[in-house]
């Protein structure tokens, strides 16, 4: 098993966990949030927050030896049901070519509007 503490460009973990773990032929990511790793800031609009979160997810997948093309399951956590339409539109920009299985729920989160984690197939040796 290989642990990825933090990928270049993504924010540092906010707790004692790895951003991604490779086990066998699978990559399991921790929940990614809409924080820019370089500045520590969150975009103002939900649309840009969704894009930032998916860019962070992609960075961690690449660091682990996978990519968005090999995602097989996504869990999305939103804080407001009205975000779903925008989330779906942005999600399609990143994962719409061959949508993986997905669960999306509305929850209360700590200081962020959304969080996304996934499981992907390993593409390269890490």
C-alpha atoms as a PDB file:
ATOM      1  CA  UNK A   1       0.000   0.000   0.000  1.00  0.00           C
ATOM      2  CA  UNK A   2       1.270   3.471  -0.884  1.00  0.00           C
ATOM      3  CA  UNK A   3       0.123   6.647   0.817  1.00  0.00           C
ATOM      4  CA  UNK A   4       0.131  10.059  -0.883  1.00  0.00           C
ATOM      5  CA  UNK A   5       0.300  12.695   1.882  1.00  0.00           C
ATOM      6  CA  UNK A   6      -0.408  15.659  -0.426  1.00  0.00           C
ATOM      7  CA  UNK A   7      -0.129  16.291  -4.150  1.00  0.00           C
ATOM      8  CA  UNK A   8       1.691  19.274  -5.579  1.00  0.00           C
ATOM      9  CA  UNK A   9      -0.737  22.163  -5.978  1.00  0.00           C
ATOM     10  CA  UNK A  10      -3.463  20.773  -3.764  1.00  0.00           C
ATOM     11  CA  UNK A  11      -4.071  21.984  -0.215  1.00  0.00           C
ATOM     12  CA  UNK A  12      -2.393  20.240   2.696  1.00  0.00           C
ATOM     13  CA  UNK A  13      -4.620  17.826   4.627  1.00  0.00           C
ATOM     14  CA  UNK A  14      -6.488  19.478   7.506  1.00  0.00           C
ATOM     15  CA  UNK A  15      -6.045  16.408   9.703  1.00  0.00           C
ATOM     16  CA  UNK A  16      -4.022  13.228  10.177  1.00  0.00           C
ATOM     17  CA  UNK A  17      -4.773  11.452   6.901  1.00  0.00           C
ATOM     18  CA  UNK A  18      -3.349  10.787   3.452  1.00  0.00           C
ATOM     19  CA  UNK A  19      -4.823  12.621   0.473  1.00  0.00           C
ATOM     20  CA  UNK A  20      -4.784   9.357  -1.477  1.00  0.00           C
ATOM     21  CA  UNK A  21      -3.969   5.715  -0.828  1.00  0.00           C
ATOM     22  CA  UNK A  22      -3.029   3.171  -3.486  1.00  0.00           C
ATOM     23  CA  UNK A  23      -4.024  -0.386  -2.656  1.00  0.00           C
ATOM     24  CA  UNK A  24      -3.654  -3.056  -5.302  1.00  0.00           C
ATOM     25  CA  UNK A  25      -4.917  -1.578  -8.566  1.00  0.00           C
ATOM     26  CA  UNK A  26      -7.112   1.067  -6.907  1.00  0.00           C
ATOM     27  CA  UNK A  27      -6.638   4.648  -5.735  1.00  0.00           C
ATOM     28  CA  UNK A  28      -8.819   5.901  -2.884  1.00  0.00           C
ATOM     29  CA  UNK A  29      -8.836   9.664  -2.371  1.00  0.00           C
ATOM     30  CA  UNK A  30      -9.706  11.616   0.730  1.00  0.00           C
ATOM     31  CA  UNK A  31     -12.422  14.215   0.405  1.00  0.00           C
ATOM     32  CA  UNK A  32     -11.198  17.231  -1.541  1.00  0.00           C
ATOM     33  CA  UNK A  33     -12.384  20.744  -0.804  1.00  0.00           C
ATOM     34  CA  UNK A  34     -12.407  24.018  -2.790  1.00  0.00           C
ATOM     35  CA  UNK A  35      -9.160  25.456  -1.429  1.00  0.00           C
ATOM     36  CA  UNK A  36      -6.396  26.641  -3.755  1.00  0.00           C
ATOM     37  CA  UNK A  37      -3.225  24.899  -2.559  1.00  0.00           C
ATOM     38  CA  UNK A  38      -0.995  27.818  -3.572  1.00  0.00           C
ATOM     39  CA  UNK A  39      -2.939  30.591  -1.847  1.00  0.00           C
ATOM     40  CA  UNK A  40      -5.071  28.824   0.762  1.00  0.00           C
ATOM     41  CA  UNK A  41      -8.084  30.762  -0.545  1.00  0.00           C
ATOM     42  CA  UNK A  42     -11.492  29.542  -1.697  1.00  0.00           C
ATOM     43  CA  UNK A  43     -13.101  30.947  -4.850  1.00  0.00           C
ATOM     44  CA  UNK A  44     -16.127  33.173  -4.247  1.00  0.00           C
ATOM     45  CA  UNK A  45     -18.690  31.474  -6.490  1.00  0.00           C
ATOM     46  CA  UNK A  46     -19.979  27.936  -6.005  1.00  0.00           C
ATOM     47  CA  UNK A  47     -19.217  27.263  -9.679  1.00  0.00           C
ATOM     48  CA  UNK A  48     -15.508  28.056  -9.200  1.00  0.00           C
ATOM     49  CA  UNK A  49     -15.468  26.184  -5.890  1.00  0.00           C
ATOM     50  CA  UNK A  50     -16.692  23.076  -7.700  1.00  0.00           C
ATOM     51  CA  UNK A  51     -13.985  23.484 -10.352  1.00  0.00           C
ATOM     52  CA  UNK A  52     -11.279  23.988  -7.703  1.00  0.00           C
ATOM     53  CA  UNK A  53     -12.423  20.905  -5.812  1.00  0.00           C
ATOM     54  CA  UNK A  54     -12.300  18.785  -8.973  1.00  0.00           C
ATOM     55  CA  UNK A  55      -8.851  20.187  -9.863  1.00  0.00           C
ATOM     56  CA  UNK A  56      -7.663  19.186  -6.378  1.00  0.00           C
ATOM     57  CA  UNK A  57      -9.134  15.729  -6.874  1.00  0.00           C
ATOM     58  CA  UNK A  58      -7.342  15.439 -10.220  1.00  0.00           C
ATOM     59  CA  UNK A  59      -4.008  16.525  -8.681  1.00  0.00           C
ATOM     60  CA  UNK A  60      -4.226  13.812  -6.061  1.00  0.00           C
ATOM     61  CA  UNK A  61      -5.182  11.173  -8.616  1.00  0.00           C
ATOM     62  CA  UNK A  62      -2.204  12.130 -10.806  1.00  0.00           C
ATOM     63  CA  UNK A  63       0.158  12.011  -7.816  1.00  0.00           C
ATOM     64  CA  UNK A  64      -1.117   8.517  -7.039  1.00  0.00           C
ATOM     65  CA  UNK A  65      -0.746   7.248 -10.624  1.00  0.00           C
ATOM     66  CA  UNK A  66      -4.271   7.631 -11.949  1.00  0.00           C
ATOM     67  CA  UNK A  67      -6.404  10.305 -13.611  1.00  0.00           C
ATOM     68  CA  UNK A  68      -9.991  11.417 -14.085  1.00  0.00           C
ATOM     69  CA  UNK A  69     -10.423   9.015 -17.029  1.00  0.00           C
ATOM     70  CA  UNK A  70     -10.026   6.073 -14.645  1.00  0.00           C
ATOM     71  CA  UNK A  71     -12.438   7.146 -11.899  1.00  0.00           C
ATOM     72  CA  UNK A  72     -14.971   4.419 -11.156  1.00  0.00           C
ATOM     73  CA  UNK A  73     -16.887   5.872  -8.162  1.00  0.00           C
ATOM     74  CA  UNK A  74     -17.463   9.418  -6.885  1.00  0.00           C
ATOM     75  CA  UNK A  75     -19.008  10.639  -3.647  1.00  0.00           C
ATOM     76  CA  UNK A  76     -20.120  14.269  -3.646  1.00  0.00           C
ATOM     77  CA  UNK A  77     -21.171  16.200  -0.563  1.00  0.00           C
ATOM     78  CA  UNK A  78     -23.065  19.472  -1.081  1.00  0.00           C
ATOM     79  CA  UNK A  79     -24.339  21.874   1.581  1.00  0.00           C
ATOM     80  CA  UNK A  80     -27.446  23.099  -0.257  1.00  0.00           C
ATOM     81  CA  UNK A  81     -29.821  21.224  -2.587  1.00  0.00           C
ATOM     82  CA  UNK A  82     -29.907  24.271  -4.880  1.00  0.00           C
ATOM     83  CA  UNK A  83     -26.222  23.592  -5.729  1.00  0.00           C
ATOM     84  CA  UNK A  84     -27.023  20.350  -7.561  1.00  0.00           C
ATOM     85  CA  UNK A  85     -27.679  21.810 -11.013  1.00  0.00           C
ATOM     86  CA  UNK A  86     -24.416  23.798 -11.002  1.00  0.00           C
ATOM     87  CA  UNK A  87     -22.532  20.845  -9.529  1.00  0.00           C
ATOM     88  CA  UNK A  88     -23.827  18.548 -12.291  1.00  0.00           C
ATOM     89  CA  UNK A  89     -22.791  21.010 -15.008  1.00  0.00           C
ATOM     90  CA  UNK A  90     -19.240  21.450 -13.664  1.00  0.00           C
ATOM     91  CA  UNK A  91     -18.954  17.720 -12.905  1.00  0.00           C
ATOM     92  CA  UNK A  92     -19.743  16.985 -16.568  1.00  0.00           C
ATOM     93  CA  UNK A  93     -16.832  19.220 -17.643  1.00  0.00           C
ATOM     94  CA  UNK A  94     -14.424  17.011 -15.698  1.00  0.00           C
ATOM     95  CA  UNK A  95     -16.065  13.560 -15.723  1.00  0.00           C
ATOM     96  CA  UNK A  96     -18.787  13.698 -18.372  1.00  0.00           C
ATOM     97  CA  UNK A  97     -16.943  11.740 -21.067  1.00  0.00           C
ATOM     98  CA  UNK A  98     -17.670   8.437 -19.292  1.00  0.00           C
ATOM     99  CA  UNK A  99     -19.477   9.194 -16.035  1.00  0.00           C
ATOM    100  CA  UNK A 100     -18.526   6.902 -13.159  1.00  0.00           C
ATOM    101  CA  UNK A 101     -20.941   5.605 -10.549  1.00  0.00           C
ATOM    102  CA  UNK A 102     -21.829   8.445  -8.189  1.00  0.00           C
ATOM    103  CA  UNK A 103     -23.498   9.269  -4.907  1.00  0.00           C
ATOM    104  CA  UNK A 104     -24.347  12.890  -4.069  1.00  0.00           C
ATOM    105  CA  UNK A 105     -25.809  13.936  -0.736  1.00  0.00           C
ATOM    106  CA  UNK A 106     -26.579  17.160   1.110  1.00  0.00           C
ATOM    107  CA  UNK A 107     -24.720  17.533   4.411  1.00  0.00           C
ATOM    108  CA  UNK A 108     -23.342  20.100   6.811  1.00  0.00           C
ATOM    109  CA  UNK A 109     -19.619  20.736   6.221  1.00  0.00           C
ATOM    110  CA  UNK A 110     -16.981  22.724   8.128  1.00  0.00           C
ATOM    111  CA  UNK A 111     -16.432  26.005   6.294  1.00  0.00           C
ATOM    112  CA  UNK A 112     -16.779  24.710   2.726  1.00  0.00           C
ATOM    113  CA  UNK A 113     -19.667  24.387   0.277  1.00  0.00           C
ATOM    114  CA  UNK A 114     -18.719  20.954  -1.069  1.00  0.00           C
ATOM    115  CA  UNK A 115     -16.380  18.000  -0.750  1.00  0.00           C
ATOM    116  CA  UNK A 116     -15.651  15.238  -3.262  1.00  0.00           C
ATOM    117  CA  UNK A 117     -13.829  11.905  -2.947  1.00  0.00           C
ATOM    118  CA  UNK A 118     -13.426   9.037  -5.372  1.00  0.00           C
ATOM    119  CA  UNK A 119     -12.086   5.603  -6.191  1.00  0.00           C
ATOM    120  CA  UNK A 120     -10.099   5.183  -9.414  1.00  0.00           C
ATOM    121  CA  UNK A 121      -8.151   2.492 -11.171  1.00  0.00           C
ATOM    122  CA  UNK A 122      -4.382   2.779 -11.052  1.00  0.00           C
ATOM    123  CA  UNK A 123      -2.943   3.631 -14.477  1.00  0.00           C
ATOM    124  CA  UNK A 124       0.803   3.792 -13.811  1.00  0.00           C
ATOM    125  CA  UNK A 125       3.202   2.341 -11.288  1.00  0.00           C
ATOM    126  CA  UNK A 126       3.852   4.787  -8.454  1.00  0.00           C
END
